[in-house]
PDB file of N, CA and C in Angstrom:
ATOM      1  N   MET A   1      38.252 128.841 131.097  1.00  0.00           N
ATOM      2  CA  MET A   1      37.483 129.615 132.005  1.00  0.00           C
ATOM      3  C   MET A   1      38.212 130.866 132.512  1.00  0.00           C
ATOM      4  N   ILE A   2      39.497 130.552 132.955  1.00  0.00           N
ATOM      5  CA  ILE A   2      40.305 131.569 133.488  1.00  0.00           C
ATOM      6  C   ILE A   2      40.711 132.611 132.492  1.00  0.00           C
ATOM      7  N   THR A   3      41.083 132.160 131.339  1.00  0.00           N
ATOM      8  CA  THR A   3      41.366 133.157 130.187  1.00  0.00           C
ATOM      9  C   THR A   3      40.175 133.884 129.792  1.00  0.00           C
ATOM     10  N   GLN A   4      39.025 133.369 129.964  1.00  0.00           N
ATOM     11  CA  GLN A   4      37.713 134.113 129.549  1.00  0.00           C
ATOM     12  C   GLN A   4      37.493 135.225 130.552  1.00  0.00           C
ATOM     13  N   GLU A   5      37.721 134.850 131.873  1.00  0.00           N
ATOM     14  CA  GLU A   5      37.611 135.921 132.826  1.00  0.00           C
ATOM     15  C   GLU A   5      38.487 136.950 132.807  1.00  0.00           C
ATOM     16  N   ILE A   6      39.807 136.656 132.452  1.00  0.00           N
ATOM     17  CA  ILE A   6      40.835 137.601 132.193  1.00  0.00           C
ATOM     18  C   ILE A   6      40.408 138.558 131.115  1.00  0.00           C
ATOM     19  N   GLU A   7      39.893 138.056 129.987  1.00  0.00           N
ATOM     20  CA  GLU A   7      39.465 138.908 128.825  1.00  0.00           C
ATOM     21  C   GLU A   7      38.222 139.831 129.300  1.00  0.00           C
ATOM     22  N   ILE A   8      37.422 139.226 130.213  1.00  0.00           N
ATOM     23  CA  ILE A   8      36.314 140.078 130.575  1.00  0.00           C
ATOM     24  C   ILE A   8      36.801 141.192 131.497  1.00  0.00           C
ATOM     25  N   GLY A   9      37.868 140.885 132.321  1.00  0.00           N
ATOM     26  CA  GLY A   9      38.378 141.988 133.098  1.00  0.00           C
ATOM     27  C   GLY A   9      39.125 143.051 132.384  1.00  0.00           C
ATOM     28  N   LYS A  10      39.823 142.608 131.269  1.00  0.00           N
ATOM     29  CA  LYS A  10      40.522 143.409 130.302  1.00  0.00           C
ATOM     30  C   LYS A  10      39.511 144.444 129.658  1.00  0.00           C
ATOM     31  N   GLU A  11      38.380 143.867 129.164  1.00  0.00           N
ATOM     32  CA  GLU A  11      37.430 144.567 128.526  1.00  0.00           C
ATOM     33  C   GLU A  11      36.723 145.604 129.390  1.00  0.00           C
ATOM     34  N   GLN A  12      36.476 145.236 130.643  1.00  0.00           N
ATOM     35  CA  GLN A  12      35.953 146.212 131.678  1.00  0.00           C
ATOM     36  C   GLN A  12      36.884 147.377 131.833  1.00  0.00           C
ATOM     37  N   ALA A  13      38.083 147.046 132.058  1.00  0.00           N
ATOM     38  CA  ALA A  13      39.224 148.118 132.278  1.00  0.00           C
ATOM     39  C   ALA A  13      39.280 149.068 131.075  1.00  0.00           C
ATOM     40  N   ARG A  14      39.166 148.365 129.871  1.00  0.00           N
ATOM     41  CA  ARG A  14      39.300 149.205 128.605  1.00  0.00           C
ATOM     42  C   ARG A  14      38.106 150.105 128.562  1.00  0.00           C
ATOM     43  N   ARG A  15      36.966 149.714 128.908  1.00  0.00           N
ATOM     44  CA  ARG A  15      35.688 150.637 128.823  1.00  0.00           C
ATOM     45  C   ARG A  15      35.827 151.723 129.890  1.00  0.00           C
ATOM     46  N   GLU A  16      36.609 151.426 131.036  1.00  0.00           N
ATOM     47  CA  GLU A  16      36.767 152.456 132.071  1.00  0.00           C
ATOM     48  C   GLU A  16      37.879 153.480 131.579  1.00  0.00           C
ATOM     49  N   GLY A  17      38.403 153.278 130.435  1.00  0.00           N
ATOM     50  CA  GLY A  17      39.473 154.164 130.015  1.00  0.00           C
ATOM     51  C   GLY A  17      40.942 153.961 130.551  1.00  0.00           C
ATOM     52  N   LYS A  18      41.205 152.822 131.052  1.00  0.00           N
ATOM     53  CA  LYS A  18      42.452 152.438 131.644  1.00  0.00           C
ATOM     54  C   LYS A  18      43.445 152.284 130.455  1.00  0.00           C
ATOM     55  N   PRO A  19      44.790 152.649 130.667  1.00  0.00           N
ATOM     56  CA  PRO A  19      45.782 152.449 129.633  1.00  0.00           C
ATOM     57  C   PRO A  19      46.035 151.072 129.227  1.00  0.00           C
ATOM     58  N   GLU A  20      46.163 150.818 127.977  1.00  0.00           N
ATOM     59  CA  GLU A  20      46.328 149.386 127.385  1.00  0.00           C
ATOM     60  C   GLU A  20      47.371 148.661 128.047  1.00  0.00           C
ATOM     61  N   GLU A  21      48.546 149.179 128.441  1.00  0.00           N
ATOM     62  CA  GLU A  21      49.691 148.453 129.039  1.00  0.00           C
ATOM     63  C   GLU A  21      49.241 148.020 130.534  1.00  0.00           C
ATOM     64  N   MET A  22      48.310 148.539 131.027  1.00  0.00           N
ATOM     65  CA  MET A  22      47.836 148.160 132.454  1.00  0.00           C
ATOM     66  C   MET A  22      46.744 147.173 132.411  1.00  0.00           C
ATOM     67  N   LEU A  23      46.011 146.786 131.257  1.00  0.00           N
ATOM     68  CA  LEU A  23      44.996 145.998 131.229  1.00  0.00           C
ATOM     69  C   LEU A  23      45.147 144.608 131.789  1.00  0.00           C
ATOM     70  N   GLU A  24      46.419 143.961 131.434  1.00  0.00           N
ATOM     71  CA  GLU A  24      46.607 142.707 132.006  1.00  0.00           C
ATOM     72  C   GLU A  24      46.743 142.587 133.485  1.00  0.00           C
ATOM     73  N   LYS A  25      47.441 143.587 134.011  1.00  0.00           N
ATOM     74  CA  LYS A  25      47.531 143.655 135.560  1.00  0.00           C
ATOM     75  C   LYS A  25      46.283 143.892 136.240  1.00  0.00           C
ATOM     76  N   ILE A  26      45.514 144.703 135.713  1.00  0.00           N
ATOM     77  CA  ILE A  26      44.162 145.036 136.225  1.00  0.00           C
ATOM     78  C   ILE A  26      43.281 143.769 136.215  1.00  0.00           C
ATOM     79  N   ALA A  27      43.274 143.103 135.081  1.00  0.00           N
ATOM     80  CA  ALA A  27      42.423 141.816 134.874  1.00  0.00           C
ATOM     81  C   ALA A  27      42.979 140.779 135.862  1.00  0.00           C
ATOM     82  N   GLN A  28      44.266 140.573 136.089  1.00  0.00           N
ATOM     83  CA  GLN A  28      44.852 139.613 137.060  1.00  0.00           C
ATOM     84  C   GLN A  28      44.520 140.021 138.417  1.00  0.00           C
ATOM     85  N   GLY A  29      44.302 141.335 138.830  1.00  0.00           N
ATOM     86  CA  GLY A  29      43.964 141.746 140.150  1.00  0.00           C
ATOM     87  C   GLY A  29      42.568 141.407 140.266  1.00  0.00           C
ATOM     88  N   LYS A  30      41.667 141.608 139.325  1.00  0.00           N
ATOM     89  CA  LYS A  30      40.220 141.280 139.485  1.00  0.00           C
ATOM     90  C   LYS A  30      40.031 139.896 139.743  1.00  0.00           C
ATOM     91  N   LEU A  31      40.831 139.019 138.860  1.00  0.00           N
ATOM     92  CA  LEU A  31      40.721 137.580 139.188  1.00  0.00           C
ATOM     93  C   LEU A  31      41.144 137.155 140.593  1.00  0.00           C
ATOM     94  N   SER A  32      42.345 137.634 141.048  1.00  0.00           N
ATOM     95  CA  SER A  32      42.716 137.393 142.369  1.00  0.00           C
ATOM     96  C   SER A  32      41.745 137.718 143.430  1.00  0.00           C
ATOM     97  N   LYS A  33      41.082 138.861 143.212  1.00  0.00           N
ATOM     98  CA  LYS A  33      40.077 139.366 144.152  1.00  0.00           C
ATOM     99  C   LYS A  33      38.911 138.414 144.144  1.00  0.00           C
ATOM    100  N   PHE A  34      38.627 137.888 142.886  1.00  0.00           N
ATOM    101  CA  PHE A  34      37.376 136.934 142.815  1.00  0.00           C
ATOM    102  C   PHE A  34      37.745 135.625 143.689  1.00  0.00           C
ATOM    103  N   TYR A  35      39.020 135.070 143.347  1.00  0.00           N
ATOM    104  CA  TYR A  35      39.380 133.925 144.129  1.00  0.00           C
ATOM    105  C   TYR A  35      39.322 134.120 145.587  1.00  0.00           C
ATOM    106  N   LYS A  36      39.869 135.267 146.053  1.00  0.00           N
ATOM    107  CA  LYS A  36      39.983 135.485 147.426  1.00  0.00           C
ATOM    108  C   LYS A  36      38.588 135.586 148.149  1.00  0.00           C
ATOM    109  N   ASP A  37      37.642 136.245 147.394  1.00  0.00           N
ATOM    110  CA  ASP A  37      36.289 136.274 147.971  1.00  0.00           C
ATOM    111  C   ASP A  37      35.493 135.065 147.818  1.00  0.00           C
ATOM    112  N   SER A  38      35.629 134.290 146.715  1.00  0.00           N
ATOM    113  CA  SER A  38      34.740 133.234 146.331  1.00  0.00           C
ATOM    114  C   SER A  38      35.224 131.829 146.625  1.00  0.00           C
ATOM    115  N   THR A  39      36.398 131.592 147.080  1.00  0.00           N
ATOM    116  CA  THR A  39      36.852 130.253 147.341  1.00  0.00           C
ATOM    117  C   THR A  39      37.201 130.152 148.716  1.00  0.00           C
ATOM    118  N   LEU A  40      36.747 129.002 149.450  1.00  0.00           N
ATOM    119  CA  LEU A  40      36.874 128.919 150.847  1.00  0.00           C
ATOM    120  C   LEU A  40      38.283 128.980 151.380  1.00  0.00           C
ATOM    121  N   LEU A  41      39.304 128.231 150.836  1.00  0.00           N
ATOM    122  CA  LEU A  41      40.589 128.060 151.282  1.00  0.00           C
ATOM    123  C   LEU A  41      41.332 129.522 151.111  1.00  0.00           C
ATOM    124  N   ASN A  42      40.870 130.391 150.164  1.00  0.00           N
ATOM    125  CA  ASN A  42      41.501 131.658 149.955  1.00  0.00           C
ATOM    126  C   ASN A  42      40.890 132.768 150.711  1.00  0.00           C
ATOM    127  N   GLN A  43      39.733 132.472 151.462  1.00  0.00           N
ATOM    128  CA  GLN A  43      39.132 133.503 152.238  1.00  0.00           C
ATOM    129  C   GLN A  43      39.985 133.794 153.445  1.00  0.00           C
ATOM    130  N   GLU A  44      39.728 135.089 153.946  1.00  0.00           N
ATOM    131  CA  GLU A  44      40.394 135.325 155.279  1.00  0.00           C
ATOM    132  C   GLU A  44      39.745 134.656 156.422  1.00  0.00           C
ATOM    133  N   PHE A  45      40.644 134.218 157.401  1.00  0.00           N
ATOM    134  CA  PHE A  45      40.237 133.498 158.496  1.00  0.00           C
ATOM    135  C   PHE A  45      39.573 134.541 159.492  1.00  0.00           C
ATOM    136  N   ILE A  46      38.357 134.196 159.808  1.00  0.00           N
ATOM    137  CA  ILE A  46      37.526 135.208 160.630  1.00  0.00           C
ATOM    138  C   ILE A  46      38.293 135.750 161.948  1.00  0.00           C
ATOM    139  N   LYS A  47      38.927 134.842 162.596  1.00  0.00           N
ATOM    140  CA  LYS A  47      39.514 135.195 163.904  1.00  0.00           C
ATOM    141  C   LYS A  47      40.796 136.058 163.693  1.00  0.00           C
ATOM    142  N   ASP A  48      41.484 135.787 162.656  1.00  0.00           N
ATOM    143  CA  ASP A  48      42.670 136.509 162.294  1.00  0.00           C
ATOM    144  C   ASP A  48      42.875 136.754 160.809  1.00  0.00           C
ATOM    145  N   ASN A  49      42.430 138.013 160.417  1.00  0.00           N
ATOM    146  CA  ASN A  49      42.310 138.303 158.963  1.00  0.00           C
ATOM    147  C   ASN A  49      43.624 138.512 158.349  1.00  0.00           C
ATOM    148  N   LYS A  50      44.870 138.188 158.981  1.00  0.00           N
ATOM    149  CA  LYS A  50      46.043 138.333 158.419  1.00  0.00           C
ATOM    150  C   LYS A  50      46.415 136.937 157.784  1.00  0.00           C
ATOM    151  N   MET A  51      45.659 135.863 158.042  1.00  0.00           N
ATOM    152  CA  MET A  51      45.898 134.546 157.429  1.00  0.00           C
ATOM    153  C   MET A  51      44.617 134.073 156.775  1.00  0.00           C
ATOM    154  N   THR A  52      44.859 133.330 155.688  1.00  0.00           N
ATOM    155  CA  THR A  52      43.725 132.634 154.951  1.00  0.00           C
ATOM    156  C   THR A  52      43.375 131.357 155.745  1.00  0.00           C
ATOM    157  N   ILE A  53      42.109 130.772 155.332  1.00  0.00           N
ATOM    158  CA  ILE A  53      41.742 129.607 155.898  1.00  0.00           C
ATOM    159  C   ILE A  53      42.680 128.474 155.561  1.00  0.00           C
ATOM    160  N   ARG A  54      43.303 128.394 154.385  1.00  0.00           N
ATOM    161  CA  ARG A  54      44.321 127.478 154.066  1.00  0.00           C
ATOM    162  C   ARG A  54      45.539 127.574 155.050  1.00  0.00           C
ATOM    163  N   GLN A  55      46.015 128.761 155.290  1.00  0.00           N
ATOM    164  CA  GLN A  55      47.168 128.919 156.280  1.00  0.00           C
ATOM    165  C   GLN A  55      46.782 128.556 157.667  1.00  0.00           C
ATOM    166  N   TYR A  56      45.543 128.847 158.027  1.00  0.00           N
ATOM    167  CA  TYR A  56      45.148 128.381 159.427  1.00  0.00           C
ATOM    168  C   TYR A  56      45.117 126.934 159.562  1.00  0.00           C
ATOM    169  N   LEU A  57      44.517 126.237 158.499  1.00  0.00           N
ATOM    170  CA  LEU A  57      44.565 124.755 158.504  1.00  0.00           C
ATOM    171  C   LEU A  57      45.949 124.202 158.577  1.00  0.00           C
ATOM    172  N   GLN A  58      46.706 124.726 157.827  1.00  0.00           N
ATOM    173  CA  GLN A  58      48.148 124.242 157.774  1.00  0.00           C
ATOM    174  C   GLN A  58      48.884 124.531 159.101  1.00  0.00           C
ATOM    175  N   SER A  59      48.558 125.522 159.785  1.00  0.00           N
ATOM    176  CA  SER A  59      49.147 125.799 161.086  1.00  0.00           C
ATOM    177  C   SER A  59      48.554 124.917 162.188  1.00  0.00           C
ATOM    178  N   VAL A  60      47.483 124.453 162.008  1.00  0.00           N
ATOM    179  CA  VAL A  60      46.934 123.491 163.041  1.00  0.00           C
ATOM    180  C   VAL A  60      47.545 122.079 162.757  1.00  0.00           C
ATOM    181  N   ASP A  61      47.570 121.604 161.597  1.00  0.00           N
ATOM    182  CA  ASP A  61      47.953 120.240 161.145  1.00  0.00           C
ATOM    183  C   ASP A  61      48.290 120.237 159.765  1.00  0.00           C
ATOM    184  N   LYS A  62      49.479 119.932 159.368  1.00  0.00           N
ATOM    185  CA  LYS A  62      49.854 119.916 157.937  1.00  0.00           C
ATOM    186  C   LYS A  62      49.021 118.954 156.986  1.00  0.00           C
ATOM    187  N   GLN A  63      48.485 117.889 157.606  1.00  0.00           N
ATOM    188  CA  GLN A  63      47.696 116.894 157.018  1.00  0.00           C
ATOM    189  C   GLN A  63      46.285 117.252 156.899  1.00  0.00           C
ATOM    190  N   LEU A  64      45.784 118.321 157.552  1.00  0.00           N
ATOM    191  CA  LEU A  64      44.334 118.600 157.669  1.00  0.00           C
ATOM    192  C   LEU A  64      43.893 119.125 156.328  1.00  0.00           C
ATOM    193  N   THR A  65      42.760 118.605 155.874  1.00  0.00           N
ATOM    194  CA  THR A  65      42.068 119.001 154.612  1.00  0.00           C
ATOM    195  C   THR A  65      40.685 119.305 154.837  1.00  0.00           C
ATOM    196  N   VAL A  66      40.056 119.966 153.833  1.00  0.00           N
ATOM    197  CA  VAL A  66      38.553 120.171 153.946  1.00  0.00           C
ATOM    198  C   VAL A  66      37.941 119.021 153.204  1.00  0.00           C
ATOM    199  N   THR A  67      36.976 118.381 153.636  1.00  0.00           N
ATOM    200  CA  THR A  67      36.303 117.281 152.931  1.00  0.00           C
ATOM    201  C   THR A  67      34.933 117.729 152.581  1.00  0.00           C
ATOM    202  N   ALA A  68      34.363 118.725 153.229  1.00  0.00           N
ATOM    203  CA  ALA A  68      32.999 119.122 152.987  1.00  0.00           C
ATOM    204  C   ALA A  68      32.800 120.544 153.377  1.00  0.00           C
ATOM    205  N   PHE A  69      31.925 121.325 152.757  1.00  0.00           N
ATOM    206  CA  PHE A  69      31.671 122.660 153.073  1.00  0.00           C
ATOM    207  C   PHE A  69      30.218 122.914 152.814  1.00  0.00           C
ATOM    208  N   LYS A  70      29.576 123.502 153.810  1.00  0.00           N
ATOM    209  CA  LYS A  70      28.091 123.936 153.584  1.00  0.00           C
ATOM    210  C   LYS A  70      27.974 125.384 153.930  1.00  0.00           C
ATOM    211  N   ARG A  71      27.282 126.102 153.140  1.00  0.00           N
ATOM    212  CA  ARG A  71      27.106 127.513 153.277  1.00  0.00           C
ATOM    213  C   ARG A  71      25.599 127.722 153.586  1.00  0.00           C
ATOM    214  N   TYR A  72      25.395 128.562 154.717  1.00  0.00           N
ATOM    215  CA  TYR A  72      24.047 128.872 155.149  1.00  0.00           C
ATOM    216  C   TYR A  72      23.926 130.419 154.961  1.00  0.00           C
ATOM    217  N   THR A  73      22.752 130.870 154.547  1.00  0.00           N
ATOM    218  CA  THR A  73      22.404 132.308 154.646  1.00  0.00           C
ATOM    219  C   THR A  73      21.068 132.471 155.363  1.00  0.00           C
ATOM    220  N   LEU A  74      20.954 133.553 156.033  1.00  0.00           N
ATOM    221  CA  LEU A  74      19.738 133.855 156.723  1.00  0.00           C
ATOM    222  C   LEU A  74      19.072 134.906 155.868  1.00  0.00           C
ATOM    223  N   SER A  75      17.728 134.591 155.689  1.00  0.00           N
ATOM    224  CA  SER A  75      16.927 135.652 154.950  1.00  0.00           C
ATOM    225  C   SER A  75      15.777 136.023 156.036  1.00  0.00           C
ATOM    226  N   LEU A  76      15.775 137.280 156.158  1.00  0.00           N
ATOM    227  CA  LEU A  76      14.745 137.811 157.112  1.00  0.00           C
ATOM    228  C   LEU A  76      13.613 138.310 156.361  1.00  0.00           C
TER     229      LEU A  76
END
């Protein structure tokens, strides 16, 4: 899955005309951004955007873990 996403990122960068030697770094950057935006523990903590949810949980209690997560959206 990860290697497939990296290849997709490389192909997108290639179509944008980016240099071949930069494709790997660009694809890795896109993958990192995806994880940062799409996974709970890697998202920025809303009250202090200098730390992630994972870092906040560790600062509260080293043994603290997430056991459930629910996402709600409002549609108007």
